[in-house]
């Protein structure tokens, strides 16, 4: 049985991993900007 925590060598899986990581980072930045804007507008 393969360990699910070891990254796969498949390039498609690597691209999916990077998209997930950058997607989370961008979502976090959007949330911070939205929170700052709501503070400024209030």
PDB file of N, CA and C in Angstrom:
ATOM      1  N   UNK A   1       0.854  -1.195   0.000  1.00  0.00           N
ATOM      2  CA  UNK A   1       0.000   0.000   0.000  1.00  0.00           C
ATOM      3  C   UNK A   1       0.893   1.249   0.000  1.00  0.00           C
ATOM      4  N   UNK A   2       0.569   2.184  -0.901  1.00  0.00           N
ATOM      5  CA  UNK A   2       1.367   3.409  -0.984  1.00  0.00           C
ATOM      6  C   UNK A   2       0.995   4.372   0.132  1.00  0.00           C
ATOM      7  N   UNK A   3       1.998   5.106   0.572  1.00  0.00           N
ATOM      8  CA  UNK A   3       1.760   6.126   1.580  1.00  0.00           C
ATOM      9  C   UNK A   3       1.109   7.336   0.905  1.00  0.00           C
ATOM     10  N   UNK A   4      -0.086   7.759   1.328  1.00  0.00           N
ATOM     11  CA  UNK A   4      -0.740   8.890   0.662  1.00  0.00           C
ATOM     12  C   UNK A   4      -0.053  10.228   0.923  1.00  0.00           C
ATOM     13  N   UNK A   5       0.857  10.294   1.889  1.00  0.00           N
ATOM     14  CA  UNK A   5       1.504  11.556   2.227  1.00  0.00           C
ATOM     15  C   UNK A   5       2.771  11.798   1.410  1.00  0.00           C
ATOM     16  N   UNK A   6       3.214  10.801   0.655  1.00  0.00           N
ATOM     17  CA  UNK A   6       4.382  10.976  -0.214  1.00  0.00           C
ATOM     18  C   UNK A   6       3.884  11.482  -1.567  1.00  0.00           C
ATOM     19  N   UNK A   7       4.382  12.621  -2.038  1.00  0.00           N
ATOM     20  CA  UNK A   7       3.880  13.169  -3.295  1.00  0.00           C
ATOM     21  C   UNK A   7       4.126  12.221  -4.460  1.00  0.00           C
ATOM     22  N   UNK A   8       3.193  12.209  -5.371  1.00  0.00           N
ATOM     23  CA  UNK A   8       3.303  11.356  -6.542  1.00  0.00           C
ATOM     24  C   UNK A   8       4.296  11.946  -7.535  1.00  0.00           C
ATOM     25  N   UNK A   9       4.857  11.096  -8.368  1.00  0.00           N
ATOM     26  CA  UNK A   9       5.799  11.546  -9.391  1.00  0.00           C
ATOM     27  C   UNK A   9       5.075  12.022 -10.647  1.00  0.00           C
ATOM     28  N   UNK A  10       3.774  11.804 -10.720  1.00  0.00           N
ATOM     29  CA  UNK A  10       3.017  12.178 -11.914  1.00  0.00           C
ATOM     30  C   UNK A  10       2.977  13.699 -12.061  1.00  0.00           C
ATOM     31  N   UNK A  11       3.266  14.216 -13.269  1.00  0.00           N
ATOM     32  CA  UNK A  11       3.224  15.678 -13.445  1.00  0.00           C
ATOM     33  C   UNK A  11       1.829  16.262 -13.259  1.00  0.00           C
ATOM     34  N   UNK A  12       0.809  15.491 -13.588  1.00  0.00           N
ATOM     35  CA  UNK A  12      -0.563  15.992 -13.399  1.00  0.00           C
ATOM     36  C   UNK A  12      -0.843  16.175 -11.908  1.00  0.00           C
ATOM     37  N   UNK A  13      -0.384  15.236 -11.111  1.00  0.00           N
ATOM     38  CA  UNK A  13      -0.587  15.352  -9.660  1.00  0.00           C
ATOM     39  C   UNK A  13       0.215  16.522  -9.090  1.00  0.00           C
ATOM     40  N   UNK A  14       1.412  16.740  -9.624  1.00  0.00           N
ATOM     41  CA  UNK A  14       2.200  17.884  -9.144  1.00  0.00           C
ATOM     42  C   UNK A  14       1.510  19.194  -9.479  1.00  0.00           C
ATOM     43  N   UNK A  15       0.963  19.303 -10.688  1.00  0.00           N
ATOM     44  CA  UNK A  15       0.240  20.518 -11.079  1.00  0.00           C
ATOM     45  C   UNK A  15      -0.979  20.704 -10.185  1.00  0.00           C
ATOM     46  N   UNK A  16      -1.688  19.630  -9.905  1.00  0.00           N
ATOM     47  CA  UNK A  16      -2.856  19.725  -9.026  1.00  0.00           C
ATOM     48  C   UNK A  16      -2.448  20.177  -7.622  1.00  0.00           C
ATOM     49  N   UNK A  17      -1.327  19.660  -7.130  1.00  0.00           N
ATOM     50  CA  UNK A  17      -0.844  20.077  -5.805  1.00  0.00           C
ATOM     51  C   UNK A  17      -0.532  21.571  -5.795  1.00  0.00           C
ATOM     52  N   UNK A  18       0.182  22.056  -6.827  1.00  0.00           N
ATOM     53  CA  UNK A  18       0.533  23.470  -6.872  1.00  0.00           C
ATOM     54  C   UNK A  18      -0.711  24.337  -7.005  1.00  0.00           C
ATOM     55  N   UNK A  19      -1.678  23.891  -7.823  1.00  0.00           N
ATOM     56  CA  UNK A  19      -2.912  24.671  -7.962  1.00  0.00           C
ATOM     57  C   UNK A  19      -3.654  24.746  -6.630  1.00  0.00           C
ATOM     58  N   UNK A  20      -3.665  23.651  -5.885  1.00  0.00           N
ATOM     59  CA  UNK A  20      -4.345  23.658  -4.590  1.00  0.00           C
ATOM     60  C   UNK A  20      -3.634  24.608  -3.618  1.00  0.00           C
ATOM     61  N   UNK A  21      -2.304  24.561  -3.594  1.00  0.00           N
ATOM     62  CA  UNK A  21      -1.547  25.421  -2.679  1.00  0.00           C
ATOM     63  C   UNK A  21      -1.755  26.895  -3.025  1.00  0.00           C
ATOM     64  N   UNK A  22      -1.596  27.229  -4.333  1.00  0.00           N
ATOM     65  CA  UNK A  22      -1.768  28.629  -4.718  1.00  0.00           C
ATOM     66  C   UNK A  22      -3.217  29.072  -4.582  1.00  0.00           C
ATOM     67  N   UNK A  23      -4.156  28.175  -4.820  1.00  0.00           N
ATOM     68  CA  UNK A  23      -5.568  28.510  -4.629  1.00  0.00           C
ATOM     69  C   UNK A  23      -5.860  28.877  -3.183  1.00  0.00           C
ATOM     70  N   UNK A  24      -5.290  28.110  -2.265  1.00  0.00           N
ATOM     71  CA  UNK A  24      -5.480  28.419  -0.844  1.00  0.00           C
ATOM     72  C   UNK A  24      -4.836  29.753  -0.483  1.00  0.00           C
ATOM     73  N   UNK A  25      -3.647  30.005  -1.008  1.00  0.00           N
ATOM     74  CA  UNK A  25      -2.963  31.262  -0.708  1.00  0.00           C
ATOM     75  C   UNK A  25      -3.757  32.449  -1.253  1.00  0.00           C
ATOM     76  N   UNK A  26      -4.257  32.330  -2.476  1.00  0.00           N
ATOM     77  CA  UNK A  26      -5.030  33.424  -3.072  1.00  0.00           C
ATOM     78  C   UNK A  26      -6.337  33.620  -2.311  1.00  0.00           C
ATOM     79  N   UNK A  27      -6.977  32.527  -1.905  1.00  0.00           N
ATOM     80  CA  UNK A  27      -8.213  32.647  -1.125  1.00  0.00           C
ATOM     81  C   UNK A  27      -7.943  33.360   0.203  1.00  0.00           C
ATOM     82  N   UNK A  28      -6.811  33.058   0.828  1.00  0.00           N
ATOM     83  CA  UNK A  28      -6.456  33.734   2.075  1.00  0.00           C
ATOM     84  C   UNK A  28      -6.223  35.215   1.868  1.00  0.00           C
ATOM     85  N   UNK A  29      -5.524  35.567   0.783  1.00  0.00           N
ATOM     86  CA  UNK A  29      -5.291  36.984   0.496  1.00  0.00           C
ATOM     87  C   UNK A  29      -6.599  37.712   0.220  1.00  0.00           C
ATOM     88  N   UNK A  30      -7.485  37.084  -0.527  1.00  0.00           N
ATOM     89  CA  UNK A  30      -8.789  37.700  -0.810  1.00  0.00           C
ATOM     90  C   UNK A  30      -9.564  37.902   0.487  1.00  0.00           C
ATOM     91  N   UNK A  31      -9.501  36.935   1.387  1.00  0.00           N
ATOM     92  CA  UNK A  31     -10.206  37.064   2.665  1.00  0.00           C
ATOM     93  C   UNK A  31      -9.629  38.211   3.498  1.00  0.00           C
ATOM     94  N   UNK A  32      -8.303  38.357   3.503  1.00  0.00           N
ATOM     95  CA  UNK A  32      -7.683  39.451   4.251  1.00  0.00           C
ATOM     96  C   UNK A  32      -8.074  40.794   3.649  1.00  0.00           C
ATOM     97  N   UNK A  33      -8.053  40.898   2.340  1.00  0.00           N
ATOM     98  CA  UNK A  33      -8.429  42.158   1.686  1.00  0.00           C
ATOM     99  C   UNK A  33      -9.894  42.484   1.966  1.00  0.00           C
ATOM    100  N   UNK A  34     -10.760  41.472   1.910  1.00  0.00           N
ATOM    101  CA  UNK A  34     -12.176  41.707   2.198  1.00  0.00           C
ATOM    102  C   UNK A  34     -12.372  42.157   3.641  1.00  0.00           C
ATOM    103  N   UNK A  35     -11.628  41.556   4.579  1.00  0.00           N
ATOM    104  CA  UNK A  35     -11.756  41.944   5.978  1.00  0.00           C
ATOM    105  C   UNK A  35     -11.264  43.385   6.181  1.00  0.00           C
ATOM    106  N   UNK A  36     -10.159  43.747   5.534  1.00  0.00           N
ATOM    107  CA  UNK A  36      -9.654  45.110   5.662  1.00  0.00           C
ATOM    108  C   UNK A  36     -10.636  46.115   5.051  1.00  0.00           C
ATOM    109  N   UNK A  37     -11.189  45.771   3.894  1.00  0.00           N
ATOM    110  CA  UNK A  37     -12.148  46.689   3.279  1.00  0.00           C
ATOM    111  C   UNK A  37     -13.398  46.850   4.148  1.00  0.00           C
ATOM    112  N   UNK A  38     -13.855  45.780   4.759  1.00  0.00           N
ATOM    113  CA  UNK A  38     -15.046  45.896   5.606  1.00  0.00           C
ATOM    114  C   UNK A  38     -14.746  46.741   6.852  1.00  0.00           C
ATOM    115  N   UNK A  39     -13.504  46.684   7.346  1.00  0.00           N
ATOM    116  CA  UNK A  39     -13.135  47.529   8.482  1.00  0.00           C
ATOM    117  C   UNK A  39     -13.067  49.005   8.077  1.00  0.00           C
ATOM    118  N   UNK A  40     -12.526  49.273   6.902  1.00  0.00           N
ATOM    119  CA  UNK A  40     -12.367  50.648   6.442  1.00  0.00           C
ATOM    120  C   UNK A  40     -13.732  51.262   6.108  1.00  0.00           C
ATOM    121  N   UNK A  41     -14.612  50.463   5.495  1.00  0.00           N
ATOM    122  CA  UNK A  41     -15.919  50.985   5.091  1.00  0.00           C
ATOM    123  C   UNK A  41     -16.858  51.205   6.282  1.00  0.00           C
ATOM    124  N   UNK A  42     -16.613  50.489   7.384  1.00  0.00           N
ATOM    125  CA  UNK A  42     -17.523  50.595   8.533  1.00  0.00           C
ATOM    126  C   UNK A  42     -17.343  51.924   9.260  1.00  0.00           C
TER     127      UNK A  42
END
